[in-house]
Amino acid sequence: MTDNTYLLGIDFGTESVRAAIFDLAGRPVSFAATTYRTTHPHPGWAEQDPEEWWEALQASCRKVIAASGISPAAIKGISYDATTMTVVAMDKRGEALRPAIMWMDVRATEQAARAEKSDSVARLYNGRGTAPATAEWYPFKAAWLRENERETYDAAFRLVDAPDWVTYKLTGEWTTNINSAALRMYYNRDHGGWPVDFYETIGCGDVFDKIPEKVVDLGTPVGELSVIAAQLLGLHPGTPVAQGPADAWAGQIGLGVVDPGVMALITGSSHVLTGQTDKPIHGKGFFGAYTDGVVKGQYTVEGGQVSTGSVLKWFKDNFARDLIQAAEVTGLNVYDILNKQSKDLPPGSEGLIINEYFQGNRTPYTDSKARGVIWGLSLHHGPAHIYRAIQESVCYGTAHNLRAMSAAGFEVKKIVAAGGATKSRDWMQMHADVTGVPVTLTEVGDAVVLGSCMLAAVGSGQYHSIQDAARNMVRETDRIEPRPEVHEEYQFYLDKYMETYPRLRDLSHEMVDHLA
């Protein structure tokens, strides 16, 4: 390892592809991003053109090299991440046969509902602890394609998740990454690999002819950058390429959450909670444990809140327009103003409880018909109360997920956070106070591309393991301890929050069905 050794991380997100160069100490050198389009041909559908992905990657790679001022030959390893449950049908030449079916696409609702009613699902869940069937996941999209676009399905040589599309485009190799396989395709090494009977039940048992046979662990070398890819991307041919994961789990790695007992909290419009255990725990209210899904020999557990930062944005856009105008005049951030106005309110926002399920619930209920609730309102309450209660509701939702995991035997000793919510230290303090778990922040806020660079370092032999890369490339900069007295005060309100939705579930479902 030398001072002029660099790593390239590629992040295919929902809106753009980012390229980033880091050094071996985990210090960022340069970033570049290029956007692409999402189309919605029908309600509930979402598609993107893989050719646009490839063109955008070419632009991002050339821009990031130019911005760095380094030689492409100094990049000693490449890895990547992409959205998962984004299904790409490809022919033998590696060309896409149709637009990619995006992760957010729910056209396969019927296939998922059919699976939920089958005996094979009960057998699959028993002792394997995966997750309820959801229209977003790979098997159901494959079944939809077979039933509704049979000509395309039959013509597909490969039907892959987006990270595996990237593998092929960079190296010409066909692999299935363990992250997508274990977390979104029901693959489980502890139980014989692929649940063939399950796929047969939902109507796509022949899809295994289209899934690359080689299931590869993260950070494993998958090949070298091809001459054609290198020419198009402006990179050096023969550069080692390492197996990459889905984007959220690249973020987990970039936060250094690679050992049991620690939880990554990736924030934005939603919250993703993901962590590692040393045994295959299962239980209600969370997804997993997934065998080898992030680190070989460990198990990954997952929780998620669909609407978090998006609910704060909803409030800002609809009920704080006067502050938006004031912020434009003064140059201040609207959220900073709202945080200042609500900062001195006591825990519980003086008796106001909000349930943040505005777009449904991922965990602990996995209920797409869940909706938001606000109760406890009085004439005393004002906008500041509602804003703070939304912040608290997000923290309650995080704590609810941790309680579900705790009931199954997974005790979280530390939360490592990244994303938009970390810009507010007070909100991070609230997360610590409500959950009773310390929250730490790391030096590099862009954990996703750092995680991909860490996998590049492992795959190119710069570090021996993912844990070794984490020790050398991730540094914690702040630790926020829960305040015992505030934590105790919050437990009453957390209990009321947790009681709210079960009491209103039937009403919520009736309302959604009525509006359908």
Protein backbone atom coordinates (compact mmCIF):
# COMPACT_ATOMS: atom_id res chain seq x y z
CA MET A 1 0.00 0.00 0.00
CA THR A 2 1.34 3.39 -1.00
CA ASP A 3 0.28 6.99 -0.66
CA ASN A 4 -0.75 7.15 -4.32
CA THR A 5 -3.21 4.25 -4.06
CA TYR A 6 -6.83 5.22 -4.67
CA LEU A 7 -10.20 3.48 -4.87
CA LEU A 8 -13.27 4.14 -6.99
CA GLY A 9 -16.78 3.68 -5.60
CA ILE A 10 -19.86 3.76 -7.84
CA ASP A 11 -23.33 4.35 -6.41
CA PHE A 12 -26.38 3.81 -8.62
CA GLY A 13 -29.14 5.57 -6.69
CA THR A 14 -32.75 6.20 -7.60
CA GLU A 15 -32.09 9.59 -9.18
CA SER A 16 -28.44 9.56 -10.24
CA VAL A 17 -25.21 7.60 -10.44
CA ARG A 18 -22.40 8.97 -8.31
CA ALA A 19 -18.73 8.18 -8.62
CA ALA A 20 -16.29 8.89 -5.81
CA ILE A 21 -12.57 8.47 -5.30
CA PHE A 22 -11.18 7.80 -1.83
CA ASP A 23 -7.70 7.03 -0.58
CA LEU A 24 -6.80 4.03 1.59
CA ALA A 25 -7.40 6.00 4.79
CA GLY A 26 -11.00 6.64 3.81
CA ARG A 27 -10.43 10.28 2.91
CA PRO A 28 -12.53 11.60 0.00
CA VAL A 29 -10.72 12.96 -3.04
CA SER A 30 -13.48 13.82 -5.52
CA PHE A 31 -17.15 13.22 -6.32
CA ALA A 32 -19.29 13.44 -9.45
CA ALA A 33 -22.95 12.72 -10.19
CA THR A 34 -25.08 12.38 -13.31
CA THR A 35 -28.87 12.10 -13.27
CA TYR A 36 -31.25 9.89 -15.25
CA ARG A 37 -35.01 9.64 -15.69
CA THR A 38 -37.67 7.55 -14.01
CA THR A 39 -40.85 6.93 -16.00
CA HIS A 40 -44.24 5.82 -14.68
CA PRO A 41 -46.15 4.14 -17.55
CA HIS A 42 -49.03 3.15 -15.27
CA PRO A 43 -50.05 3.89 -11.65
CA GLY A 44 -47.76 1.97 -9.31
CA TRP A 45 -45.17 1.37 -12.03
CA ALA A 46 -41.65 2.83 -12.13
CA GLU A 47 -39.06 2.14 -14.82
CA GLN A 48 -35.61 3.33 -15.89
CA ASP A 49 -33.56 2.73 -19.02
CA PRO A 50 -30.32 0.78 -18.35
CA GLU A 51 -28.76 2.46 -21.38
CA GLU A 52 -29.24 5.80 -19.61
CA TRP A 53 -27.57 4.29 -16.53
CA TRP A 54 -24.57 3.31 -18.61
CA GLU A 55 -24.29 6.69 -20.31
CA ALA A 56 -24.60 8.43 -16.93
CA LEU A 57 -21.87 6.23 -15.46
CA GLN A 58 -19.54 7.16 -18.31
CA ALA A 59 -20.14 10.84 -17.59
CA SER A 60 -19.68 10.48 -13.82
CA CYS A 61 -16.48 8.47 -14.11
CA ARG A 62 -14.89 10.91 -16.53
CA LYS A 63 -15.91 13.87 -14.36
CA VAL A 64 -14.61 12.31 -11.13
CA ILE A 65 -11.24 11.50 -12.70
CA ALA A 66 -10.93 15.02 -14.08
CA ALA A 67 -11.83 16.55 -10.72
CA SER A 68 -9.34 14.37 -8.84
CA GLY A 69 -6.31 15.21 -10.95
CA ILE A 70 -4.96 11.68 -10.55
CA SER A 71 -4.05 9.11 -13.15
CA PRO A 72 -6.62 6.33 -13.76
CA ALA A 73 -3.74 3.88 -13.19
CA ALA A 74 -3.56 5.06 -9.55
CA ILE A 75 -7.01 3.57 -8.93
CA LYS A 76 -6.20 0.10 -7.61
CA GLY A 77 -9.73 -1.19 -7.01
CA ILE A 78 -13.33 -0.60 -8.02
CA SER A 79 -16.61 -1.60 -6.43
CA TYR A 80 -20.18 -0.39 -6.63
CA ASP A 81 -23.69 -0.49 -5.26
CA ALA A 82 -27.12 -0.08 -6.81
CA THR A 83 -30.76 -0.05 -5.83
CA THR A 84 -32.01 -3.54 -5.06
CA MET A 85 -35.27 -5.09 -6.28
CA THR A 86 -34.58 -3.25 -9.55
CA VAL A 87 -34.95 -6.07 -12.07
CA VAL A 88 -33.19 -6.05 -15.45
CA ALA A 89 -33.95 -8.49 -18.30
CA MET A 90 -30.86 -9.00 -20.52
CA ASP A 91 -30.10 -10.95 -23.66
CA LYS A 92 -26.95 -12.98 -24.38
CA ARG A 93 -25.14 -9.87 -25.63
CA GLY A 94 -25.78 -8.14 -22.33
CA GLU A 95 -28.32 -5.73 -23.77
CA ALA A 96 -31.46 -4.83 -21.85
CA LEU A 97 -34.64 -6.23 -23.39
CA ARG A 98 -36.95 -3.73 -21.71
CA PRO A 99 -36.71 -0.88 -19.17
CA ALA A 100 -35.64 -1.95 -15.70
CA ILE A 101 -38.50 -2.52 -13.24
CA MET A 102 -37.56 -0.27 -10.32
CA TRP A 103 -37.48 -1.11 -6.62
CA MET A 104 -40.48 1.14 -5.93
CA ASP A 105 -42.58 -0.52 -8.65
CA VAL A 106 -45.54 -2.44 -7.17
CA ARG A 107 -47.11 -3.93 -10.30
CA ALA A 108 -46.53 -7.43 -8.82
CA THR A 109 -49.07 -6.94 -6.02
CA GLU A 110 -51.19 -9.86 -7.23
CA GLN A 111 -48.21 -12.22 -7.36
CA ALA A 112 -47.13 -11.24 -3.85
CA ALA A 113 -50.67 -11.64 -2.48
CA ARG A 114 -50.89 -15.07 -4.07
CA ALA A 115 -47.64 -16.08 -2.43
CA GLU A 116 -48.84 -14.96 1.00
CA LYS A 117 -51.73 -17.44 0.78
CA SER A 118 -49.63 -20.44 -0.24
CA ASP A 119 -48.42 -23.23 2.02
CA SER A 120 -44.91 -22.86 0.64
CA VAL A 121 -44.67 -19.38 2.16
CA ALA A 122 -45.45 -20.73 5.62
CA ARG A 123 -42.76 -23.36 5.16
CA LEU A 124 -40.35 -20.73 3.89
CA TYR A 125 -40.92 -18.43 6.87
CA ASN A 126 -40.77 -21.23 9.44
CA GLY A 127 -37.32 -21.02 10.99
CA ARG A 128 -35.90 -18.86 8.21
CA GLY A 129 -37.13 -15.48 9.40
CA THR A 130 -37.17 -13.69 6.07
CA ALA A 131 -40.06 -11.29 5.61
CA PRO A 132 -43.64 -11.16 4.37
CA ALA A 133 -44.11 -11.20 0.62
CA THR A 134 -44.06 -7.73 -0.92
CA ALA A 135 -44.64 -6.66 -4.51
CA GLU A 136 -41.28 -4.86 -4.47
CA TRP A 137 -39.18 -8.03 -4.25
CA TYR A 138 -37.47 -9.94 -7.05
CA PRO A 139 -39.46 -13.23 -7.20
CA PHE A 140 -42.79 -11.48 -7.61
CA LYS A 141 -41.52 -9.14 -10.32
CA ALA A 142 -40.09 -12.18 -12.12
CA ALA A 143 -43.48 -13.92 -11.86
CA TRP A 144 -45.24 -10.80 -13.15
CA LEU A 145 -42.91 -10.60 -16.13
CA ARG A 146 -43.48 -14.28 -16.96
CA GLU A 147 -47.26 -13.86 -16.81
CA ASN A 148 -47.61 -10.51 -18.53
CA GLU A 149 -44.64 -10.18 -20.90
CA ARG A 150 -43.93 -13.81 -21.72
CA GLU A 151 -42.06 -13.05 -24.94
CA THR A 152 -39.59 -10.83 -23.07
CA TYR A 153 -39.31 -13.32 -20.22
CA ASP A 154 -38.53 -16.20 -22.56
CA ALA A 155 -36.01 -14.11 -24.51
CA ALA A 156 -34.14 -13.10 -21.35
CA PHE A 157 -30.80 -14.88 -20.99
CA ARG A 158 -30.38 -13.25 -17.59
CA LEU A 159 -32.89 -11.67 -15.20
CA VAL A 160 -30.77 -9.88 -12.63
CA ASP A 161 -30.93 -7.36 -9.84
CA ALA A 162 -29.33 -3.98 -10.62
CA PRO A 163 -26.02 -4.60 -8.77
CA ASP A 164 -25.48 -7.69 -10.92
CA TRP A 165 -26.15 -5.65 -14.06
CA VAL A 166 -23.26 -3.41 -12.96
CA THR A 167 -21.00 -6.44 -12.51
CA TYR A 168 -21.61 -7.53 -16.06
CA LYS A 169 -21.17 -4.07 -17.57
CA LEU A 170 -17.82 -3.58 -15.82
CA THR A 171 -16.33 -7.05 -16.21
CA GLY A 172 -18.41 -9.17 -18.57
CA GLU A 173 -18.93 -11.65 -15.72
CA TRP A 174 -22.34 -12.96 -14.61
CA THR A 175 -22.72 -13.22 -10.82
CA THR A 176 -25.45 -12.96 -8.22
CA ASN A 177 -24.42 -10.85 -5.24
CA ILE A 178 -25.12 -12.43 -1.86
CA ASN A 179 -26.68 -9.21 -0.58
CA SER A 180 -29.53 -9.18 -3.10
CA ALA A 181 -29.88 -12.96 -2.98
CA ALA A 182 -30.12 -13.24 0.80
CA LEU A 183 -32.05 -10.05 1.55
CA ARG A 184 -34.46 -9.81 -1.39
CA MET A 185 -34.51 -13.14 -3.26
CA TYR A 186 -35.07 -15.61 -0.36
CA TYR A 187 -31.69 -17.33 -0.83
CA ASN A 188 -30.39 -18.91 2.40
CA ARG A 189 -27.17 -20.90 2.63
CA ASP A 190 -28.19 -22.31 6.00
CA HIS A 191 -31.21 -23.92 4.36
CA GLY A 192 -29.90 -25.22 1.07
CA GLY A 193 -29.72 -22.02 -0.97
CA TRP A 194 -32.62 -21.26 -3.30
CA PRO A 195 -36.19 -22.18 -2.20
CA VAL A 196 -37.11 -23.73 -5.55
CA ASP A 197 -40.56 -24.91 -4.42
CA PHE A 198 -41.43 -21.36 -3.38
CA TYR A 199 -40.51 -19.96 -6.78
CA GLU A 200 -42.51 -22.73 -8.43
CA THR A 201 -45.54 -21.90 -6.29
CA ILE A 202 -45.55 -18.26 -7.34
CA GLY A 203 -45.19 -19.21 -11.00
CA CYS A 204 -41.54 -18.67 -11.97
CA GLY A 205 -39.73 -21.86 -11.07
CA ASP A 206 -37.83 -21.71 -14.35
CA VAL A 207 -36.24 -18.36 -13.47
CA PHE A 208 -33.19 -20.20 -12.11
CA ASP A 209 -32.14 -20.69 -15.73
CA LYS A 210 -31.83 -16.90 -15.83
CA ILE A 211 -30.25 -16.19 -12.43
CA PRO A 212 -26.42 -16.39 -12.52
CA GLU A 213 -25.42 -19.55 -10.67
CA LYS A 214 -22.40 -18.08 -8.89
CA VAL A 215 -23.52 -16.38 -5.63
CA VAL A 216 -20.64 -14.14 -4.56
CA ASP A 217 -19.84 -12.65 -1.14
CA LEU A 218 -19.32 -8.90 -0.82
CA GLY A 219 -15.79 -7.69 -1.43
CA THR A 220 -14.86 -10.82 -3.39
CA PRO A 221 -13.00 -10.19 -6.69
CA VAL A 222 -15.39 -10.76 -9.61
CA GLY A 223 -13.01 -9.90 -12.42
CA GLU A 224 -11.10 -7.06 -14.00
CA LEU A 225 -12.38 -3.94 -15.69
CA SER A 226 -12.81 -4.86 -19.34
CA VAL A 227 -11.00 -3.02 -22.12
CA ILE A 228 -14.28 -1.75 -23.59
CA ALA A 229 -15.60 -0.54 -20.22
CA ALA A 230 -12.28 1.13 -19.42
CA GLN A 231 -12.29 3.01 -22.73
CA LEU A 232 -15.84 4.24 -22.23
CA LEU A 233 -15.38 5.17 -18.56
CA GLY A 234 -11.95 6.74 -18.92
CA LEU A 235 -10.41 4.22 -16.52
CA HIS A 236 -7.50 1.79 -16.61
CA PRO A 237 -8.23 -1.67 -18.10
CA GLY A 238 -7.52 -4.60 -15.84
CA THR A 239 -8.35 -2.72 -12.62
CA PRO A 240 -9.68 -5.25 -10.06
CA VAL A 241 -13.44 -5.13 -9.54
CA ALA A 242 -14.99 -6.38 -6.29
CA GLN A 243 -18.52 -7.64 -5.68
CA GLY A 244 -20.84 -4.87 -4.53
CA PRO A 245 -24.23 -4.84 -2.72
CA ALA A 246 -27.44 -2.87 -2.64
CA ASP A 247 -27.03 0.80 -1.77
CA ALA A 248 -28.30 0.77 1.83
CA TRP A 249 -25.90 -2.01 2.78
CA ALA A 250 -22.98 -0.24 1.18
CA GLY A 251 -23.99 2.52 3.58
CA GLN A 252 -23.92 0.10 6.50
CA ILE A 253 -20.38 -0.90 5.58
CA GLY A 254 -19.38 2.74 5.12
CA LEU A 255 -20.54 3.42 8.67
CA GLY A 256 -18.30 0.63 9.95
CA VAL A 257 -21.25 -1.47 11.14
CA VAL A 258 -19.64 -4.84 10.43
CA ASP A 259 -19.66 -6.47 13.88
CA PRO A 260 -22.53 -7.87 15.99
CA GLY A 261 -24.47 -5.60 18.33
CA VAL A 262 -24.22 -2.35 16.36
CA MET A 263 -27.02 -0.81 14.29
CA ALA A 264 -26.64 1.40 11.22
CA LEU A 265 -29.28 4.11 10.91
CA ILE A 266 -29.39 5.56 7.41
CA THR A 267 -31.69 8.57 7.32
CA GLY A 268 -33.32 10.61 4.59
CA SER A 269 -36.91 10.64 3.45
CA SER A 270 -37.07 7.26 5.21
CA HIS A 271 -35.10 5.41 7.91
CA VAL A 272 -33.24 2.17 7.23
CA LEU A 273 -32.07 0.16 10.23
CA THR A 274 -29.63 -2.65 9.60
CA GLY A 275 -27.14 -4.52 11.77
CA GLN A 276 -25.21 -7.72 12.32
CA THR A 277 -25.65 -10.69 14.66
CA ASP A 278 -23.53 -13.79 15.23
CA LYS A 279 -26.55 -16.12 15.22
CA PRO A 280 -29.69 -16.52 13.06
CA ILE A 281 -32.30 -14.77 15.19
CA HIS A 282 -35.91 -14.59 14.00
CA GLY A 283 -39.01 -12.87 15.31
CA LYS A 284 -41.98 -10.68 14.56
CA GLY A 285 -41.56 -7.09 13.57
CA PHE A 286 -38.27 -7.13 11.64
CA PHE A 287 -36.68 -8.72 8.57
CA GLY A 288 -33.96 -11.34 8.78
CA ALA A 289 -31.75 -12.74 9.96
CA TYR A 290 -30.13 -13.07 6.54
CA THR A 291 -27.24 -15.53 6.25
CA ASP A 292 -23.94 -13.96 5.02
CA GLY A 293 -25.89 -11.02 3.60
CA VAL A 294 -23.24 -8.39 4.42
CA VAL A 295 -20.36 -10.15 6.18
CA LYS A 296 -19.69 -13.84 5.60
CA GLY A 297 -20.24 -15.86 8.78
CA GLN A 298 -22.64 -13.31 10.24
CA TYR A 299 -26.37 -12.62 9.95
CA THR A 300 -28.05 -9.35 9.01
CA VAL A 301 -31.23 -7.98 10.58
CA GLU A 302 -33.24 -5.16 9.05
CA GLY A 303 -35.97 -2.73 9.95
CA GLY A 304 -37.33 0.30 8.20
CA GLN A 305 -39.58 3.33 8.49
CA VAL A 306 -41.15 4.38 5.20
CA SER A 307 -41.85 8.01 6.09
CA THR A 308 -39.49 9.97 8.33
CA GLY A 309 -37.76 13.01 6.84
CA SER A 310 -40.54 13.07 4.25
CA VAL A 311 -43.11 13.80 6.99
CA LEU A 312 -41.05 16.75 8.22
CA LYS A 313 -40.87 17.98 4.63
CA TRP A 314 -44.65 17.54 4.31
CA PHE A 315 -45.11 19.77 7.36
CA LYS A 316 -42.61 22.35 6.13
CA ASP A 317 -44.10 22.57 2.64
CA ASN A 318 -47.72 22.74 3.73
CA PHE A 319 -47.75 24.46 7.12
CA ALA A 320 -44.62 26.60 7.31
CA ARG A 321 -44.83 28.65 4.16
CA ASP A 322 -44.36 31.86 6.13
CA LEU A 323 -41.08 30.51 7.44
CA ILE A 324 -40.02 29.47 3.95
CA GLN A 325 -40.51 33.06 2.80
CA ALA A 326 -38.66 34.37 5.84
CA ALA A 327 -35.80 31.96 5.21
CA GLU A 328 -35.48 33.18 1.64
CA VAL A 329 -35.12 36.75 2.91
CA THR A 330 -32.74 36.02 5.79
CA GLY A 331 -30.75 33.20 4.20
CA LEU A 332 -31.51 30.88 7.12
CA ASN A 333 -32.47 27.21 6.83
CA VAL A 334 -36.19 26.60 7.41
CA TYR A 335 -35.51 23.50 9.50
CA ASP A 336 -33.11 25.47 11.71
CA ILE A 337 -35.90 27.97 12.39
CA LEU A 338 -38.39 25.18 13.17
CA ASN A 339 -35.87 23.44 15.41
CA LYS A 340 -35.24 26.66 17.32
CA GLN A 341 -38.98 27.32 17.78
CA SER A 342 -39.66 23.83 19.13
CA LYS A 343 -36.46 23.16 21.05
CA ASP A 344 -37.72 24.08 24.53
CA LEU A 345 -40.88 21.96 24.40
CA PRO A 346 -40.85 19.10 26.93
CA PRO A 347 -40.72 15.39 25.98
CA GLY A 348 -44.08 14.34 24.58
CA SER A 349 -44.82 17.79 23.09
CA GLU A 350 -47.30 18.45 25.91
CA GLY A 351 -49.45 15.41 25.25
CA LEU A 352 -49.31 15.19 21.46
CA ILE A 353 -48.74 11.83 19.74
CA ILE A 354 -48.13 11.45 16.00
CA ASN A 355 -47.84 8.18 14.14
CA GLU A 356 -45.55 8.63 11.10
CA TYR A 357 -47.04 5.89 8.87
CA PHE A 358 -48.02 8.43 6.20
CA GLN A 359 -46.99 6.08 3.36
CA GLY A 360 -47.56 2.78 5.15
CA ASN A 361 -45.41 0.78 7.51
CA ARG A 362 -42.41 -1.37 6.55
CA THR A 363 -41.66 -2.72 10.03
CA PRO A 364 -42.80 -3.78 12.57
CA TYR A 365 -46.22 -4.26 10.87
CA THR A 366 -45.36 -4.48 7.13
CA ASP A 367 -48.70 -2.89 6.32
CA SER A 368 -49.12 -0.89 3.12
CA LYS A 369 -52.56 0.26 4.31
CA ALA A 370 -51.20 1.92 7.43
CA ARG A 371 -51.67 5.69 7.56
CA GLY A 372 -50.60 8.57 9.75
CA VAL A 373 -52.38 9.55 12.95
CA ILE A 374 -52.29 12.73 15.07
CA TRP A 375 -54.00 12.69 18.46
CA GLY A 376 -54.01 14.58 21.73
CA LEU A 377 -54.59 17.95 20.07
CA SER A 378 -55.89 20.84 22.14
CA LEU A 379 -56.28 24.55 21.55
CA HIS A 380 -53.01 24.96 23.40
CA HIS A 381 -51.01 23.25 20.66
CA GLY A 382 -49.40 25.21 17.85
CA PRO A 383 -47.20 24.52 14.82
CA ALA A 384 -44.07 24.08 16.95
CA HIS A 385 -45.77 21.28 18.92
CA ILE A 386 -46.73 19.43 15.74
CA TYR A 387 -43.26 19.80 14.25
CA ARG A 388 -41.59 18.48 17.38
CA ALA A 389 -44.14 15.68 17.70
CA ILE A 390 -43.27 14.57 14.16
CA GLN A 391 -39.60 14.42 15.14
CA GLU A 392 -40.53 12.43 18.23
CA SER A 393 -42.73 10.07 16.21
CA VAL A 394 -39.78 9.14 14.01
CA CYS A 395 -37.71 8.40 17.11
CA TYR A 396 -40.58 6.36 18.59
CA GLY A 397 -40.72 4.35 15.36
CA THR A 398 -36.99 3.64 15.60
CA ALA A 399 -37.37 2.57 19.23
CA HIS A 400 -40.34 0.35 18.31
CA ASN A 401 -38.16 -1.45 15.76
CA LEU A 402 -35.38 -1.90 18.30
CA ARG A 403 -37.86 -3.34 20.81
CA ALA A 404 -38.98 -5.90 18.23
CA MET A 405 -35.37 -6.95 17.66
CA SER A 406 -34.67 -6.99 21.38
CA ALA A 407 -37.59 -9.36 21.95
CA ALA A 408 -35.90 -11.80 19.56
CA GLY A 409 -32.56 -11.53 21.36
CA PHE A 410 -30.76 -8.80 19.41
CA GLU A 411 -29.58 -6.09 21.79
CA VAL A 412 -28.28 -2.93 20.14
CA LYS A 413 -25.33 -1.40 21.99
CA LYS A 414 -24.73 1.49 19.64
CA ILE A 415 -26.37 3.25 16.69
CA VAL A 416 -24.16 4.70 13.94
CA ALA A 417 -26.10 7.28 11.93
CA ALA A 418 -25.75 8.91 8.53
CA GLY A 419 -27.89 10.98 6.20
CA GLY A 420 -30.01 14.10 6.37
CA ALA A 421 -31.22 13.76 9.97
CA THR A 422 -27.65 13.90 11.26
CA LYS A 423 -27.52 17.58 10.28
CA SER A 424 -29.58 18.24 13.40
CA ARG A 425 -27.65 17.28 16.51
CA ASP A 426 -30.74 17.93 18.62
CA TRP A 427 -32.71 15.38 16.59
CA MET A 428 -29.89 12.87 17.02
CA GLN A 429 -29.98 13.57 20.76
CA MET A 430 -33.71 12.83 20.65
CA HIS A 431 -33.01 9.49 18.93
CA ALA A 432 -30.58 8.62 21.73
CA ASP A 433 -32.97 9.78 24.48
CA VAL A 434 -35.99 7.88 23.15
CA THR A 435 -34.16 4.63 22.34
CA GLY A 436 -31.77 4.70 25.29
CA VAL A 437 -28.93 3.80 22.91
CA PRO A 438 -25.86 5.97 22.19
CA VAL A 439 -25.75 7.49 18.69
CA THR A 440 -22.42 8.04 16.96
CA LEU A 441 -21.55 9.99 13.83
CA THR A 442 -18.67 9.31 11.46
CA GLU A 443 -16.21 11.53 9.64
CA VAL A 444 -17.49 10.81 6.12
CA GLY A 445 -21.17 11.61 5.80
CA ASP A 446 -21.44 9.94 2.38
CA ALA A 447 -21.30 6.45 3.82
CA VAL A 448 -22.67 4.69 0.72
CA VAL A 449 -19.83 5.51 -1.69
CA LEU A 450 -17.29 5.06 1.10
CA GLY A 451 -18.70 1.58 1.67
CA SER A 452 -18.24 0.74 -2.00
CA CYS A 453 -14.66 1.99 -1.85
CA MET A 454 -14.06 -0.18 1.21
CA LEU A 455 -15.22 -3.23 -0.75
CA ALA A 456 -12.91 -2.16 -3.57
CA ALA A 457 -10.03 -2.08 -1.07
CA VAL A 458 -10.83 -5.61 0.10
CA GLY A 459 -11.34 -7.04 -3.38
CA SER A 460 -8.05 -5.59 -4.62
CA GLY A 461 -6.10 -6.92 -1.64
CA GLN A 462 -5.42 -3.59 0.06
CA TYR A 463 -7.13 -4.88 3.22
CA HIS A 464 -7.70 -8.47 4.32
CA SER A 465 -11.38 -8.21 5.26
CA ILE A 466 -14.34 -5.86 5.49
CA GLN A 467 -13.65 -5.48 9.20
CA ASP A 468 -10.02 -4.61 8.45
CA ALA A 469 -11.14 -1.96 5.96
CA ALA A 470 -13.58 -0.54 8.53
CA ARG A 471 -10.81 -0.19 11.14
CA ASN A 472 -8.66 1.76 8.70
CA MET A 473 -11.22 3.78 6.72
CA VAL A 474 -14.05 4.70 9.14
CA ARG A 475 -13.58 7.15 12.00
CA GLU A 476 -16.20 8.21 14.55
CA THR A 477 -16.29 11.94 15.23
CA ASP A 478 -19.12 12.36 17.73
CA ARG A 479 -20.89 10.22 20.31
CA ILE A 480 -24.27 11.31 21.68
CA GLU A 481 -25.20 9.62 24.95
CA PRO A 482 -28.84 9.18 26.03
CA ARG A 483 -29.82 11.25 29.06
CA PRO A 484 -31.28 8.78 31.61
CA GLU A 485 -33.89 11.13 33.02
CA VAL A 486 -35.14 12.18 29.59
CA HIS A 487 -35.17 8.56 28.42
CA GLU A 488 -37.34 7.62 31.37
CA GLU A 489 -39.74 10.49 30.68
CA TYR A 490 -40.12 9.40 27.06
CA GLN A 491 -41.16 5.83 27.87
CA PHE A 492 -44.76 6.77 28.67
CA TYR A 493 -45.16 8.50 25.31
CA LEU A 494 -43.40 5.67 23.48
CA ASP A 495 -45.87 3.21 24.99
CA LYS A 496 -48.81 5.36 23.87
CA TYR A 497 -47.33 5.59 20.37
CA MET A 498 -47.00 1.82 20.20
CA GLU A 499 -50.61 1.33 21.35
CA THR A 500 -52.01 3.73 18.76
CA TYR A 501 -51.86 1.83 15.48
CA PRO A 502 -53.16 -1.57 16.67
CA ARG A 503 -56.27 0.20 17.96
CA LEU A 504 -56.83 2.04 14.67
CA ARG A 505 -55.69 -0.60 12.17
CA ASP A 506 -59.19 -1.66 11.10
CA LEU A 507 -60.32 1.94 10.63
CA SER A 508 -57.21 2.69 8.59
CA HIS A 509 -57.79 -0.30 6.32
CA GLU A 510 -61.45 0.59 5.82
CA MET A 511 -60.52 4.13 4.82
CA VAL A 512 -57.85 2.99 2.35
CA ASP A 513 -60.21 0.44 0.82
CA HIS A 514 -62.97 3.04 0.54
CA LEU A 515 -60.69 5.41 -1.36
CA ALA A 516 -59.30 2.71 -3.65
